[in-house]
C-alpha atoms as a PDB file:
ATOM      1  CA  MET A   1     -33.611   8.186  23.595  1.00  0.00           C
ATOM      2  CA  ALA A   2     -35.212  11.594  23.322  1.00  0.00           C
ATOM      3  CA  ILE A   3     -36.559  12.588  20.532  1.00  0.00           C
ATOM      4  CA  LEU A   4     -34.145  15.206  19.679  1.00  0.00           C
ATOM      5  CA  THR A   5     -35.356  18.141  16.495  1.00  0.00           C
ATOM      6  CA  ALA A   6     -32.893  21.075  17.496  1.00  0.00           C
ATOM      7  CA  LEU A   7     -29.611  20.997  16.390  1.00  0.00           C
ATOM      8  CA  ALA A   8     -27.781  22.111  19.529  1.00  0.00           C
ATOM      9  CA  GLU A   9     -29.358  19.277  21.517  1.00  0.00           C
ATOM     10  CA  VAL A  10     -28.401  16.488  19.004  1.00  0.00           C
ATOM     11  CA  LEU A  11     -24.420  18.118  19.084  1.00  0.00           C
ATOM     12  CA  ALA A  12     -24.600  18.223  22.983  1.00  0.00           C
ATOM     13  CA  PRO A  13     -21.219  17.007  24.244  1.00  0.00           C
ATOM     14  CA  GLN A  14     -22.444  14.546  26.229  1.00  0.00           C
ATOM     15  CA  ARG A  15     -24.384  13.029  23.782  1.00  0.00           C
ATOM     16  CA  CYS A  16     -21.543  12.973  20.972  1.00  0.00           C
ATOM     17  CA  ALA A  17     -18.822  10.845  19.602  1.00  0.00           C
ATOM     18  CA  LEU A  18     -16.473  12.457  16.611  1.00  0.00           C
ATOM     19  CA  LEU A  19     -15.246   9.461  14.090  1.00  0.00           C
ATOM     20  CA  VAL A  20     -12.812  10.019  12.009  1.00  0.00           C
ATOM     21  CA  VAL A  21     -12.287   7.920   8.902  1.00  0.00           C
ATOM     22  CA  ASP A  22      -9.577   6.469   6.779  1.00  0.00           C
ATOM     23  CA  VAL A  23      -7.212   9.406   7.149  1.00  0.00           C
ATOM     24  CA  GLN A  24      -4.538   7.201   6.201  1.00  0.00           C
ATOM     25  CA  ARG A  25      -1.560   7.268   3.983  1.00  0.00           C
ATOM     26  CA  ASP A  26      -2.675   5.352   1.239  1.00  0.00           C
ATOM     27  CA  PHE A  27      -6.136   7.467   1.096  1.00  0.00           C
ATOM     28  CA  VAL A  28      -4.397  11.256   1.745  1.00  0.00           C
ATOM     29  CA  HIS A  29      -0.443  10.937   1.338  1.00  0.00           C
ATOM     30  CA  PRO A  30       0.932  12.270  -2.143  1.00  0.00           C
ATOM     31  CA  ALA A  31       2.291   9.238  -1.971  1.00  0.00           C
ATOM     32  CA  GLY A  32       0.006   7.038  -0.909  1.00  0.00           C
ATOM     33  CA  TRP A  33      -1.904   4.160  -3.191  1.00  0.00           C
ATOM     34  CA  SER A  34      -4.942   6.608  -4.356  1.00  0.00           C
ATOM     35  CA  ALA A  35      -3.044   9.536  -5.508  1.00  0.00           C
ATOM     36  CA  ARG A  36      -0.381   7.289  -7.481  1.00  0.00           C
ATOM     37  CA  ARG A  37      -3.605   5.976  -9.087  1.00  0.00           C
ATOM     38  CA  ASP A  38      -5.728   9.274  -9.514  1.00  0.00           C
ATOM     39  CA  PRO A  39      -3.400  12.475  -8.937  1.00  0.00           C
ATOM     40  CA  GLN A  40      -6.356  14.117  -7.749  1.00  0.00           C
ATOM     41  CA  ALA A  41      -6.495  12.047  -4.666  1.00  0.00           C
ATOM     42  CA  ALA A  42      -3.821  14.197  -3.353  1.00  0.00           C
ATOM     43  CA  ALA A  43      -6.417  17.035  -2.465  1.00  0.00           C
ATOM     44  CA  LEU A  44      -8.374  14.420  -0.163  1.00  0.00           C
ATOM     45  CA  ARG A  45      -5.660  15.398   2.158  1.00  0.00           C
ATOM     46  CA  ASP A  46      -6.730  19.334   2.361  1.00  0.00           C
ATOM     47  CA  VAL A  47      -9.676  18.193   4.731  1.00  0.00           C
ATOM     48  CA  VAL A  48      -7.228  16.956   7.233  1.00  0.00           C
ATOM     49  CA  PRO A  49      -6.652  20.802   9.536  1.00  0.00           C
ATOM     50  CA  VAL A  50     -10.709  20.787   9.351  1.00  0.00           C
ATOM     51  CA  ILE A  51     -10.606  17.327  11.015  1.00  0.00           C
ATOM     52  CA  ASN A  52      -7.584  18.555  13.139  1.00  0.00           C
ATOM     53  CA  ALA A  53      -9.557  21.418  14.517  1.00  0.00           C
ATOM     54  CA  LEU A  54     -12.312  19.126  15.190  1.00  0.00           C
ATOM     55  CA  VAL A  55     -10.202  16.570  17.398  1.00  0.00           C
ATOM     56  CA  ARG A  56      -9.550  19.986  19.062  1.00  0.00           C
ATOM     57  CA  GLY A  57     -12.695  20.996  19.766  1.00  0.00           C
ATOM     58  CA  ALA A  58     -14.124  17.390  20.755  1.00  0.00           C
ATOM     59  CA  ARG A  59     -11.064  16.626  23.252  1.00  0.00           C
ATOM     60  CA  ARG A  60     -11.298  20.426  25.294  1.00  0.00           C
ATOM     61  CA  ALA A  61     -15.214  19.256  25.452  1.00  0.00           C
ATOM     62  CA  ALA A  62     -14.603  16.209  26.347  1.00  0.00           C
ATOM     63  CA  VAL A  63     -16.501  14.091  22.968  1.00  0.00           C
ATOM     64  CA  PRO A  64     -14.923  11.111  22.282  1.00  0.00           C
ATOM     65  CA  VAL A  65     -12.839  10.787  19.617  1.00  0.00           C
ATOM     66  CA  VAL A  66     -12.576   7.574  17.132  1.00  0.00           C
ATOM     67  CA  TYR A  67      -9.909   7.085  15.198  1.00  0.00           C
ATOM     68  CA  VAL A  68     -11.379   4.191  12.207  1.00  0.00           C
ATOM     69  CA  THR A  69      -9.122   3.335  10.214  1.00  0.00           C
ATOM     70  CA  MET A  70      -9.231   0.095   7.207  1.00  0.00           C
ATOM     71  CA  GLU A  71      -6.422  -2.827   6.976  1.00  0.00           C
ATOM     72  CA  HIS A  72      -6.736  -5.263   4.138  1.00  0.00           C
ATOM     73  CA  GLY A  73      -5.088  -8.584   3.839  1.00  0.00           C
ATOM     74  CA  PRO A  74      -5.721 -12.161   2.579  1.00  0.00           C
ATOM     75  CA  GLU A  75      -5.845 -13.283   6.232  1.00  0.00           C
ATOM     76  CA  VAL A  76      -7.876 -10.364   7.499  1.00  0.00           C
ATOM     77  CA  ASP A  77     -10.246  -9.826   4.442  1.00  0.00           C
ATOM     78  CA  ALA A  78     -13.568 -11.557   3.883  1.00  0.00           C
ATOM     79  CA  PRO A  79     -13.829 -14.105   0.310  1.00  0.00           C
ATOM     80  CA  ASN A  80     -15.890 -11.176  -1.205  1.00  0.00           C
ATOM     81  CA  TYR A  81     -13.762  -8.324  -0.596  1.00  0.00           C
ATOM     82  CA  GLN A  82     -10.939 -10.525  -2.028  1.00  0.00           C
ATOM     83  CA  ALA A  83     -12.918 -10.864  -4.999  1.00  0.00           C
ATOM     84  CA  ARG A  84     -13.056  -7.631  -5.731  1.00  0.00           C
ATOM     85  CA  TYR A  85      -9.010  -7.291  -5.742  1.00  0.00           C
ATOM     86  CA  ALA A  86      -8.926  -9.911  -8.233  1.00  0.00           C
ATOM     87  CA  ARG A  87     -11.397  -8.494 -10.736  1.00  0.00           C
ATOM     88  CA  ARG A  88      -9.568  -5.457 -10.383  1.00  0.00           C
ATOM     89  CA  GLY A  89      -6.254  -6.562 -10.495  1.00  0.00           C
ATOM     90  CA  MET A  90      -5.283  -4.996  -7.154  1.00  0.00           C
ATOM     91  CA  THR A  91      -3.364  -8.229  -5.606  1.00  0.00           C
ATOM     92  CA  ASP A  92      -0.020  -6.908  -5.874  1.00  0.00           C
ATOM     93  CA  GLU A  93      -0.593  -4.260  -4.573  1.00  0.00           C
ATOM     94  CA  ILE A  94      -3.185  -3.860  -1.730  1.00  0.00           C
ATOM     95  CA  LEU A  95      -4.498  -0.129  -0.086  1.00  0.00           C
ATOM     96  CA  CYS A  96      -3.961   0.100   3.518  1.00  0.00           C
ATOM     97  CA  ALA A  97      -2.028  -3.676   3.528  1.00  0.00           C
ATOM     98  CA  ARG A  98      -2.161  -4.730   6.835  1.00  0.00           C
ATOM     99  CA  GLY A  99       0.989  -3.441   8.813  1.00  0.00           C
ATOM    100  CA  SER A 100       2.353  -1.516   5.854  1.00  0.00           C
ATOM    101  CA  TRP A 101       3.277   2.158   5.538  1.00  0.00           C
ATOM    102  CA  GLY A 102       0.032   3.032   3.651  1.00  0.00           C
ATOM    103  CA  ALA A 103      -2.036   1.744   6.443  1.00  0.00           C
ATOM    104  CA  ALA A 104      -0.640   4.317   9.054  1.00  0.00           C
ATOM    105  CA  LEU A 105      -2.284   7.080  10.327  1.00  0.00           C
ATOM    106  CA  ASP A 106      -1.278  10.243   8.102  1.00  0.00           C
ATOM    107  CA  ASP A 107       1.267  12.408   9.428  1.00  0.00           C
ATOM    108  CA  THR A 108      -0.766  15.531   8.945  1.00  0.00           C
ATOM    109  CA  LEU A 109      -3.410  14.360  11.456  1.00  0.00           C
ATOM    110  CA  LEU A 110      -3.423  14.980  15.447  1.00  0.00           C
ATOM    111  CA  PRO A 111      -2.117  11.550  16.530  1.00  0.00           C
ATOM    112  CA  PRO A 112      -4.638   9.564  19.131  1.00  0.00           C
ATOM    113  CA  GLU A 113      -4.377  10.922  22.650  1.00  0.00           C
ATOM    114  CA  PRO A 114      -4.897   8.256  25.878  1.00  0.00           C
ATOM    115  CA  GLY A 115      -8.338   7.982  26.430  1.00  0.00           C
ATOM    116  CA  ASP A 116      -9.071   8.240  22.801  1.00  0.00           C
ATOM    117  CA  LEU A 117     -10.758   5.151  21.107  1.00  0.00           C
ATOM    118  CA  ARG A 118      -9.117   2.897  17.549  1.00  0.00           C
ATOM    119  CA  VAL A 119     -11.336   0.831  15.656  1.00  0.00           C
ATOM    120  CA  VAL A 120      -9.646  -1.216  13.021  1.00  0.00           C
ATOM    121  CA  ARG A 121     -12.120  -2.517  10.455  1.00  0.00           C
ATOM    122  CA  HIS A 122     -11.767  -4.504   6.856  1.00  0.00           C
ATOM    123  CA  THR A 123     -14.376  -3.917   5.397  1.00  0.00           C
ATOM    124  CA  TYR A 124     -16.364  -0.031   4.083  1.00  0.00           C
ATOM    125  CA  ASP A 125     -18.496  -0.443   7.160  1.00  0.00           C
ATOM    126  CA  ALA A 126     -17.273   0.720  10.765  1.00  0.00           C
ATOM    127  CA  PHE A 127     -19.767  -0.945  12.676  1.00  0.00           C
ATOM    128  CA  ALA A 128     -19.634  -4.482  10.506  1.00  0.00           C
ATOM    129  CA  ARG A 129     -17.744  -6.865  12.606  1.00  0.00           C
ATOM    130  CA  THR A 130     -15.798  -4.662  14.633  1.00  0.00           C
ATOM    131  CA  SER A 131     -16.399  -3.303  18.937  1.00  0.00           C
ATOM    132  CA  LEU A 132     -17.518   0.161  17.685  1.00  0.00           C
ATOM    133  CA  HIS A 133     -21.319   0.241  18.777  1.00  0.00           C
ATOM    134  CA  ASP A 134     -20.538  -1.689  21.732  1.00  0.00           C
ATOM    135  CA  LEU A 135     -17.536   1.467  22.500  1.00  0.00           C
ATOM    136  CA  LEU A 136     -20.171   3.929  21.558  1.00  0.00           C
ATOM    137  CA  GLN A 137     -23.250   2.334  24.346  1.00  0.00           C
ATOM    138  CA  ALA A 138     -20.474   1.858  26.953  1.00  0.00           C
ATOM    139  CA  ARG A 139     -20.205   6.087  26.850  1.00  0.00           C
ATOM    140  CA  GLY A 140     -23.853   6.772  26.457  1.00  0.00           C
ATOM    141  CA  VAL A 141     -23.285   8.664  23.073  1.00  0.00           C
ATOM    142  CA  GLU A 142     -26.606   9.196  21.130  1.00  0.00           C
ATOM    143  CA  THR A 143     -24.930  11.155  18.052  1.00  0.00           C
ATOM    144  CA  VAL A 144     -22.379  10.060  15.920  1.00  0.00           C
ATOM    145  CA  VAL A 145     -20.497  13.224  13.721  1.00  0.00           C
ATOM    146  CA  GLY A 146     -19.151  12.168  10.996  1.00  0.00           C
ATOM    147  CA  THR A 147     -15.440  13.150   9.510  1.00  0.00           C
ATOM    148  CA  GLY A 148     -12.701  11.549   7.233  1.00  0.00           C
ATOM    149  CA  VAL A 149     -12.754  10.210   3.582  1.00  0.00           C
ATOM    150  CA  VAL A 150     -14.010   9.199   1.444  1.00  0.00           C
ATOM    151  CA  THR A 151     -17.563  10.679   1.773  1.00  0.00           C
ATOM    152  CA  ASP A 152     -19.362   8.548  -0.715  1.00  0.00           C
ATOM    153  CA  LEU A 153     -18.054   4.882   0.173  1.00  0.00           C
ATOM    154  CA  CYS A 154     -16.793   4.537   4.222  1.00  0.00           C
ATOM    155  CA  VAL A 155     -18.197   7.513   5.636  1.00  0.00           C
ATOM    156  CA  ARG A 156     -21.702   7.058   4.020  1.00  0.00           C
ATOM    157  CA  THR A 157     -21.599   3.519   4.132  1.00  0.00           C
ATOM    158  CA  THR A 158     -21.006   4.151   8.221  1.00  0.00           C
ATOM    159  CA  LEU A 159     -23.107   7.045   8.667  1.00  0.00           C
ATOM    160  CA  GLU A 160     -25.703   4.975   7.323  1.00  0.00           C
ATOM    161  CA  HIS A 161     -25.472   2.321   9.990  1.00  0.00           C
ATOM    162  CA  ALA A 162     -24.984   4.283  12.379  1.00  0.00           C
ATOM    163  CA  PHE A 163     -28.595   5.814  11.884  1.00  0.00           C
ATOM    164  CA  ALA A 164     -30.207   1.913  10.993  1.00  0.00           C
ATOM    165  CA  LEU A 165     -28.918   1.389  14.976  1.00  0.00           C
ATOM    166  CA  GLY A 166     -30.254   4.388  16.302  1.00  0.00           C
ATOM    167  CA  TYR A 167     -28.011   6.858  16.696  1.00  0.00           C
ATOM    168  CA  TYR A 168     -28.352  10.444  15.523  1.00  0.00           C
ATOM    169  CA  VAL A 169     -25.989  11.646  12.858  1.00  0.00           C
ATOM    170  CA  VAL A 170     -23.973  14.565  11.432  1.00  0.00           C
ATOM    171  CA  ALA A 171     -21.919  14.834   8.764  1.00  0.00           C
ATOM    172  CA  VAL A 172     -19.521  17.714   8.741  1.00  0.00           C
ATOM    173  CA  GLU A 173     -19.226  18.834   5.094  1.00  0.00           C
ATOM    174  CA  ASP A 174     -16.025  20.552   4.798  1.00  0.00           C
ATOM    175  CA  ALA A 175     -13.997  17.451   7.082  1.00  0.00           C
ATOM    176  CA  THR A 176     -14.874  15.151   4.584  1.00  0.00           C
ATOM    177  CA  ALA A 177     -14.001  14.316   1.105  1.00  0.00           C
ATOM    178  CA  ALA A 178     -13.903  12.108  -2.202  1.00  0.00           C
ATOM    179  CA  VAL A 179     -12.769  12.137  -5.775  1.00  0.00           C
ATOM    180  CA  PRO A 180     -14.068  13.905  -7.948  1.00  0.00           C
ATOM    181  CA  PRO A 181     -15.617  16.628  -5.530  1.00  0.00           C
ATOM    182  CA  GLU A 182     -19.379  16.397  -6.819  1.00  0.00           C
ATOM    183  CA  ALA A 183     -19.482  12.356  -5.671  1.00  0.00           C
ATOM    184  CA  ALA A 184     -18.804  13.843  -1.866  1.00  0.00           C
ATOM    185  CA  ARG A 185     -21.565  16.531  -2.771  1.00  0.00           C
ATOM    186  CA  ALA A 186     -23.489  14.013  -3.924  1.00  0.00           C
ATOM    187  CA  ALA A 187     -23.286  11.721  -1.001  1.00  0.00           C
ATOM    188  CA  LEU A 188     -23.907  14.794   1.437  1.00  0.00           C
ATOM    189  CA  ASP A 189     -26.736  15.868  -0.121  1.00  0.00           C
ATOM    190  CA  HIS A 190     -28.033  11.878   0.129  1.00  0.00           C
ATOM    191  CA  LEU A 191     -26.929  11.824   4.452  1.00  0.00           C
ATOM    192  CA  ALA A 192     -28.840  14.848   4.506  1.00  0.00           C
ATOM    193  CA  ARG A 193     -32.279  13.770   3.089  1.00  0.00           C
ATOM    194  CA  PHE A 194     -32.192  10.377   4.358  1.00  0.00           C
ATOM    195  CA  VAL A 195     -30.001   9.932   7.413  1.00  0.00           C
ATOM    196  CA  GLY A 196     -28.937  13.173   9.438  1.00  0.00           C
ATOM    197  CA  GLU A 197     -27.930  16.777   9.422  1.00  0.00           C
ATOM    198  CA  VAL A 198     -25.036  18.296   7.021  1.00  0.00           C
ATOM    199  CA  VAL A 199     -23.221  21.046   8.500  1.00  0.00           C
ATOM    200  CA  PRO A 200     -19.607  22.834   8.447  1.00  0.00           C
ATOM    201  CA  ALA A 201     -17.462  22.595  11.161  1.00  0.00           C
ATOM    202  CA  ALA A 202     -17.901  25.907  12.110  1.00  0.00           C
ATOM    203  CA  THR A 203     -21.242  24.825  13.246  1.00  0.00           C
ATOM    204  CA  VAL A 204     -20.069  21.836  15.550  1.00  0.00           C
ATOM    205  CA  LEU A 205     -17.122  23.536  17.178  1.00  0.00           C
ATOM    206  CA  GLY A 206     -20.022  26.393  18.028  1.00  0.00           C
ATOM    207  CA  VAL A 207     -22.399  24.474  20.229  1.00  0.00           C
ATOM    208  CA  TRP A 208     -19.038  22.232  21.545  1.00  0.00           C
ATOM    209  CA  SER A 209     -17.427  25.234  22.687  1.00  0.00           C
ATOM    210  CA  ARG A 210     -20.331  26.748  24.339  1.00  0.00           C
ATOM    211  CA  GLU A 211     -21.437  23.799  26.669  1.00  0.00           C
ATOM    212  CA  ALA A 212     -17.098  22.847  27.300  1.00  0.00           C
END
């Protein structure tokens, strides 16, 4: 892999994949699991139009789009994860329960099309015990462009692992969110310091449109 220092090189479409993390009803829908527990969580949905713009731009530029989702349940969760649910009193209503309404992609998100990739995971990290790394390697991907929710947990954990695996990392600051918003800002600051680039969607789309 080349040593790339210019953002335009890092974001060259032939190097990139767009990750769309956890834009599921239980995370972003006003009637979802998160919003039922914290009304502020309904604001997470505000990033979906920006993500949709990036999905469209990625498809035009032949950048692979990867829809990453979370599913939970006693048949798929590791014991340590189940212990966290038990300690927090969350065993009766599980976030993104496997096969549930809440685990489905949100209705406002552009749905996957033929050729897009789907990765289902059962922990915070999209690379942990999934085929994501193999799928990206098979397509010659060198840069992952991260979007989705929530910034300070699943997005950050996934992008940190991407960096550890050798990928260039770009986090799209206006295409990811957390509650409270300060948590998202802190996570993005951390990623900018230690992991990769943090840029607005317009920057990414500008590079992809020039080279599409």
